[in-house]
PDB file of N, CA and C in Angstrom:
ATOM      1  N   MET A   1       0.785  -1.067   0.221  1.00  0.00           N
ATOM      2  CA  MET A   1       0.016   0.034   0.106  1.00  0.00           C
ATOM      3  C   MET A   1       1.158   1.216   0.104  1.00  0.00           C
ATOM      4  N   ASP A   2       0.670   2.056  -0.953  1.00  0.00           N
ATOM      5  CA  ASP A   2       1.352   3.376  -1.102  1.00  0.00           C
ATOM      6  C   ASP A   2       1.034   4.585  -0.250  1.00  0.00           C
ATOM      7  N   PHE A   3       1.624   5.461  -0.177  1.00  0.00           N
ATOM      8  CA  PHE A   3       1.226   6.617   0.736  1.00  0.00           C
ATOM      9  C   PHE A   3      -0.133   7.299   0.497  1.00  0.00           C
ATOM     10  N   GLN A   4      -0.576   7.560  -0.667  1.00  0.00           N
ATOM     11  CA  GLN A   4      -1.522   7.850  -1.209  1.00  0.00           C
ATOM     12  C   GLN A   4      -3.018   7.169  -0.817  1.00  0.00           C
ATOM     13  N   GLU A   5      -2.723   5.769  -0.875  1.00  0.00           N
ATOM     14  CA  GLU A   5      -3.781   4.900  -0.428  1.00  0.00           C
ATOM     15  C   GLU A   5      -3.739   4.775   1.084  1.00  0.00           C
ATOM     16  N   ARG A   6      -2.767   4.984   1.861  1.00  0.00           N
ATOM     17  CA  ARG A   6      -2.855   5.042   3.262  1.00  0.00           C
ATOM     18  C   ARG A   6      -3.482   6.378   3.818  1.00  0.00           C
ATOM     19  N   THR A   7      -3.036   7.251   3.238  1.00  0.00           N
ATOM     20  CA  THR A   7      -3.935   8.567   3.319  1.00  0.00           C
ATOM     21  C   THR A   7      -5.249   8.757   3.229  1.00  0.00           C
ATOM     22  N   LEU A   8      -5.650   8.157   2.118  1.00  0.00           N
ATOM     23  CA  LEU A   8      -7.137   8.157   1.619  1.00  0.00           C
ATOM     24  C   LEU A   8      -7.889   7.244   2.982  1.00  0.00           C
ATOM     25  N   ILE A   9      -7.423   6.157   3.200  1.00  0.00           N
ATOM     26  CA  ILE A   9      -7.962   5.313   4.235  1.00  0.00           C
ATOM     27  C   ILE A   9      -7.978   5.981   5.524  1.00  0.00           C
ATOM     28  N   GLN A  10      -6.886   6.854   5.964  1.00  0.00           N
ATOM     29  CA  GLN A  10      -6.902   7.227   7.174  1.00  0.00           C
ATOM     30  C   GLN A  10      -8.088   8.650   6.943  1.00  0.00           C
ATOM     31  N   LEU A  11      -7.905   9.322   5.946  1.00  0.00           N
ATOM     32  CA  LEU A  11      -8.799  10.355   5.951  1.00  0.00           C
ATOM     33  C   LEU A  11     -10.457   9.958   5.951  1.00  0.00           C
ATOM     34  N   GLY A  12     -10.718   8.839   5.308  1.00  0.00           N
ATOM     35  CA  GLY A  12     -11.842   8.275   5.083  1.00  0.00           C
ATOM     36  C   GLY A  12     -12.706   7.822   6.592  1.00  0.00           C
ATOM     37  N   GLU A  13     -11.717   7.617   7.498  1.00  0.00           N
ATOM     38  CA  GLU A  13     -12.024   7.198   8.639  1.00  0.00           C
ATOM     39  C   GLU A  13     -12.377   8.373   9.692  1.00  0.00           C
ATOM     40  N   LYS A  14     -12.112   9.762   9.230  1.00  0.00           N
ATOM     41  CA  LYS A  14     -12.563  10.831  10.079  1.00  0.00           C
ATOM     42  C   LYS A  14     -13.959  10.828   9.895  1.00  0.00           C
ATOM     43  N   LYS A  15     -14.665  11.459  11.158  1.00  0.00           N
ATOM     44  CA  LYS A  15     -16.026  11.722  11.223  1.00  0.00           C
ATOM     45  C   LYS A  15     -16.273  13.251  10.945  1.00  0.00           C
ATOM     46  N   ILE A  16     -17.367  13.318  10.198  1.00  0.00           N
ATOM     47  CA  ILE A  16     -17.894  14.746   9.968  1.00  0.00           C
ATOM     48  C   ILE A  16     -19.525  14.735   9.847  1.00  0.00           C
ATOM     49  N   PHE A  17     -19.969  15.851   9.919  1.00  0.00           N
ATOM     50  CA  PHE A  17     -21.457  16.006  10.052  1.00  0.00           C
ATOM     51  C   PHE A  17     -22.077  16.049   8.946  1.00  0.00           C
ATOM     52  N   ASP A  18     -22.930  15.349   8.613  1.00  0.00           N
ATOM     53  CA  ASP A  18     -24.163  15.318   7.347  1.00  0.00           C
ATOM     54  C   ASP A  18     -24.853  16.512   7.575  1.00  0.00           C
ATOM     55  N   GLU A  19     -25.761  16.595   6.257  1.00  0.00           N
ATOM     56  CA  GLU A  19     -26.682  17.874   6.206  1.00  0.00           C
ATOM     57  C   GLU A  19     -27.850  17.801   7.198  1.00  0.00           C
ATOM     58  N   ASN A  20     -27.974  16.472   8.169  1.00  0.00           N
ATOM     59  CA  ASN A  20     -28.809  16.362   9.117  1.00  0.00           C
ATOM     60  C   ASN A  20     -28.436  16.729  10.407  1.00  0.00           C
ATOM     61  N   GLY A  21     -27.018  16.749  10.423  1.00  0.00           N
ATOM     62  CA  GLY A  21     -26.171  16.989  11.657  1.00  0.00           C
ATOM     63  C   GLY A  21     -26.016  15.603  12.308  1.00  0.00           C
ATOM     64  N   GLU A  22     -25.939  14.370  11.585  1.00  0.00           N
ATOM     65  CA  GLU A  22     -25.566  13.310  12.193  1.00  0.00           C
ATOM     66  C   GLU A  22     -24.051  13.067  11.687  1.00  0.00           C
ATOM     67  N   SER A  23     -23.519  12.209  12.719  1.00  0.00           N
ATOM     68  CA  SER A  23     -22.007  11.997  12.321  1.00  0.00           C
ATOM     69  C   SER A  23     -21.759  10.784  11.516  1.00  0.00           C
ATOM     70  N   VAL A  24     -21.076  11.011  10.506  1.00  0.00           N
ATOM     71  CA  VAL A  24     -20.943  10.038   9.477  1.00  0.00           C
ATOM     72  C   VAL A  24     -19.340   9.935   9.044  1.00  0.00           C
ATOM     73  N   ALA A  25     -18.862   8.692   8.648  1.00  0.00           N
ATOM     74  CA  ALA A  25     -17.512   8.683   7.979  1.00  0.00           C
ATOM     75  C   ALA A  25     -17.228   9.351   7.078  1.00  0.00           C
ATOM     76  N   LEU A  26     -16.179  10.094   6.743  1.00  0.00           N
ATOM     77  CA  LEU A  26     -15.952  10.897   5.569  1.00  0.00           C
ATOM     78  C   LEU A  26     -16.018  10.196   4.350  1.00  0.00           C
ATOM     79  N   SER A  27     -15.540   8.907   4.407  1.00  0.00           N
ATOM     80  CA  SER A  27     -15.559   7.955   3.265  1.00  0.00           C
ATOM     81  C   SER A  27     -16.875   7.665   2.610  1.00  0.00           C
ATOM     82  N   SER A  28     -17.910   7.772   3.410  1.00  0.00           N
ATOM     83  CA  SER A  28     -19.122   7.782   2.896  1.00  0.00           C
ATOM     84  C   SER A  28     -19.478   8.751   1.703  1.00  0.00           C
ATOM     85  N   LEU A  29     -18.956  10.031   1.809  1.00  0.00           N
ATOM     86  CA  LEU A  29     -19.181  10.730   0.562  1.00  0.00           C
ATOM     87  C   LEU A  29     -18.581  10.159  -0.823  1.00  0.00           C
ATOM     88  N   TRP A  30     -17.525   9.127  -0.870  1.00  0.00           N
ATOM     89  CA  TRP A  30     -16.925   8.798  -2.150  1.00  0.00           C
ATOM     90  C   TRP A  30     -17.311   7.275  -2.229  1.00  0.00           C
ATOM     91  N   GLU A  31     -18.280   6.603  -1.612  1.00  0.00           N
ATOM     92  CA  GLU A  31     -18.544   5.369  -1.751  1.00  0.00           C
ATOM     93  C   GLU A  31     -19.224   4.885  -3.233  1.00  0.00           C
ATOM     94  N   GLU A  32     -19.930   5.834  -3.550  1.00  0.00           N
ATOM     95  CA  GLU A  32     -20.686   5.635  -4.839  1.00  0.00           C
ATOM     96  C   GLU A  32     -20.171   6.651  -5.897  1.00  0.00           C
ATOM     97  N   GLU A  33     -19.514   7.586  -5.761  1.00  0.00           N
ATOM     98  CA  GLU A  33     -18.814   8.203  -6.774  1.00  0.00           C
ATOM     99  C   GLU A  33     -17.935   9.188  -6.592  1.00  0.00           C
ATOM    100  N   ARG A  34     -17.010   9.739  -7.384  1.00  0.00           N
ATOM    101  CA  ARG A  34     -16.092  10.499  -7.059  1.00  0.00           C
ATOM    102  C   ARG A  34     -16.237  11.808  -6.596  1.00  0.00           C
ATOM    103  N   VAL A  35     -15.562  12.480  -5.944  1.00  0.00           N
ATOM    104  CA  VAL A  35     -15.725  13.709  -5.301  1.00  0.00           C
ATOM    105  C   VAL A  35     -14.627  14.643  -5.199  1.00  0.00           C
ATOM    106  N   VAL A  36     -14.701  15.794  -5.088  1.00  0.00           N
ATOM    107  CA  VAL A  36     -13.561  16.809  -5.043  1.00  0.00           C
ATOM    108  C   VAL A  36     -13.975  17.391  -3.480  1.00  0.00           C
ATOM    109  N   LEU A  37     -12.821  17.371  -2.795  1.00  0.00           N
ATOM    110  CA  LEU A  37     -12.978  17.884  -1.347  1.00  0.00           C
ATOM    111  C   LEU A  37     -12.095  19.277  -1.154  1.00  0.00           C
ATOM    112  N   VAL A  38     -12.696  20.359  -0.767  1.00  0.00           N
ATOM    113  CA  VAL A  38     -12.145  21.741  -0.565  1.00  0.00           C
ATOM    114  C   VAL A  38     -12.216  21.879   0.755  1.00  0.00           C
ATOM    115  N   PHE A  39     -10.753  21.922   1.454  1.00  0.00           N
ATOM    116  CA  PHE A  39     -10.692  22.415   2.621  1.00  0.00           C
ATOM    117  C   PHE A  39     -10.245  23.928   2.992  1.00  0.00           C
ATOM    118  N   MET A  40     -11.102  24.684   3.391  1.00  0.00           N
ATOM    119  CA  MET A  40     -11.134  26.053   3.798  1.00  0.00           C
ATOM    120  C   MET A  40     -10.876  26.734   5.139  1.00  0.00           C
ATOM    121  N   ARG A  41     -10.066  27.327   5.426  1.00  0.00           N
ATOM    122  CA  ARG A  41      -9.811  27.952   6.859  1.00  0.00           C
ATOM    123  C   ARG A  41     -10.186  29.479   6.845  1.00  0.00           C
ATOM    124  N   HIS A  42     -10.956  30.007   7.864  1.00  0.00           N
ATOM    125  CA  HIS A  42     -11.400  31.212   8.063  1.00  0.00           C
ATOM    126  C   HIS A  42     -10.310  31.803   9.044  1.00  0.00           C
ATOM    127  N   PHE A  43      -9.776  33.137   8.671  1.00  0.00           N
ATOM    128  CA  PHE A  43      -8.753  33.800   9.592  1.00  0.00           C
ATOM    129  C   PHE A  43      -9.660  35.047   9.848  1.00  0.00           C
ATOM    130  N   GLY A  44      -9.680  35.248  11.215  1.00  0.00           N
ATOM    131  CA  GLY A  44     -10.449  36.310  11.520  1.00  0.00           C
ATOM    132  C   GLY A  44     -11.616  36.446  12.429  1.00  0.00           C
TER     133      GLY A  44
END
């Protein structure tokens, strides 16, 4: 397993909140189709 695969697995295990406020695994977003993730940070 290479670095990219390990990173994707580790990232997919992280929990986020869905549109209903329920905790789900991040990997649930790409189970059925490809996605683009954008991480933004707000300063101020």
